[in-house]
Protein backbone atom coordinates (compact mmCIF):
# COMPACT_ATOMS: atom_id res chain seq x y z
CA UNK A 1 2.08 -7.95 5.13
CA UNK A 2 1.66 -9.53 1.34
CA UNK A 3 -1.73 -10.03 -0.38
CA UNK A 4 -2.48 -12.44 -2.66
CA UNK A 5 -5.57 -11.91 -4.84
CA UNK A 6 -6.14 -13.29 -8.15
CA UNK A 7 -2.98 -14.59 -8.42
CA UNK A 8 -1.44 -11.13 -8.33
CA UNK A 9 0.86 -10.50 -4.65
CA UNK A 10 0.64 -7.71 -3.34
CA UNK A 11 3.52 -6.77 -0.80
CA UNK A 12 3.29 -3.47 0.84
CA UNK A 13 6.16 -4.45 3.52
CA UNK A 14 7.76 -1.83 5.79
CA UNK A 15 10.87 -1.20 3.64
CA UNK A 16 8.39 0.84 0.96
CA UNK A 17 6.60 2.91 3.69
CA UNK A 18 10.09 3.60 5.83
CA UNK A 19 11.30 5.41 2.97
CA UNK A 20 8.36 7.80 3.32
CA UNK A 21 8.85 11.23 5.32
CA UNK A 22 6.62 10.70 8.56
CA UNK A 23 4.34 14.25 7.57
CA UNK A 24 3.20 11.88 4.34
CA UNK A 25 2.83 9.11 6.33
CA UNK A 26 -0.07 11.36 8.82
CA UNK A 27 -1.21 12.64 5.11
CA UNK A 28 -3.91 10.23 4.46
CA UNK A 29 -3.85 10.87 0.83
CA UNK A 30 -0.02 10.76 0.27
CA UNK A 31 -0.60 7.16 1.78
CA UNK A 32 -3.53 6.25 -0.36
CA UNK A 33 -2.08 7.50 -3.23
CA UNK A 34 1.75 5.45 -2.68
CA UNK A 35 -0.41 2.29 -1.93
CA UNK A 36 -2.57 3.07 -5.48
CA UNK A 37 1.00 2.97 -6.80
CA UNK A 38 2.05 0.37 -5.21
CA UNK A 39 -0.94 -2.02 -5.85
CA UNK A 40 -0.66 -0.63 -9.67
CA UNK A 41 3.05 -2.00 -9.76
CA UNK A 42 2.48 -5.28 -8.44
CA UNK A 43 -0.12 -5.73 -10.82
CA UNK A 44 1.48 -4.41 -14.05
CA UNK A 45 4.88 -7.33 -13.09
CA UNK A 46 2.18 -9.86 -13.18
CA UNK A 47 0.98 -8.21 -16.76
CA UNK A 48 -2.43 -7.18 -15.66
CA UNK A 49 -3.38 -3.28 -16.27
CA UNK A 50 -4.68 -2.01 -12.88
CA UNK A 51 -8.38 -1.08 -12.96
CA UNK A 52 -9.46 0.45 -9.53
CA UNK A 53 -12.89 0.47 -10.96
CA UNK A 54 -12.48 -3.66 -11.24
CA UNK A 55 -13.88 -5.31 -8.04
CA UNK A 56 -10.94 -7.29 -7.13
CA UNK A 57 -8.50 -4.63 -8.24
CA UNK A 58 -10.89 -2.58 -5.63
CA UNK A 59 -10.65 -5.12 -3.30
CA UNK A 60 -7.04 -5.73 -3.71
CA UNK A 61 -6.69 -1.88 -3.02
CA UNK A 62 -8.14 -1.96 0.23
CA UNK A 63 -6.69 -4.78 1.48
CA UNK A 64 -3.27 -3.00 1.01
CA UNK A 65 -4.57 0.34 2.21
CA UNK A 66 -5.61 -1.47 5.55
CA UNK A 67 -2.03 -3.00 5.91
CA UNK A 68 0.07 0.44 4.76
CA UNK A 69 -1.96 2.23 7.77
CA UNK A 70 -1.15 -0.14 10.18
CA UNK A 71 2.38 -0.28 8.85
CA UNK A 72 2.54 3.37 8.80
CA UNK A 73 1.45 3.68 12.52
CA UNK A 74 4.42 1.38 13.30
CA UNK A 75 7.00 3.44 11.67
CA UNK A 76 5.46 6.54 13.18
CA UNK A 77 6.09 5.41 16.85
CA UNK A 78 9.40 3.67 15.81
CA UNK A 79 10.42 7.19 14.99
CA UNK A 80 9.02 8.64 18.72
CA UNK A 81 6.99 11.02 16.26
CA UNK A 82 3.50 9.74 16.94
């Protein structure tokens, strides 16, 4: 799922989430950390330093985390470990 905010495309896809062990997907803090790093990487690719204290960066992170949670639930269900 891709989010575009202030010209920065935030793409946290199924491949990113599938690479993570099921236990980490269930761990809210681990998923938050993975998502935050992925968002920061997307900003960095555009030459922008990610700052969670910036309103637009917070919004990008919130939207990406929402999408990550949905994808994580799908992956866990597909693995039959839900």
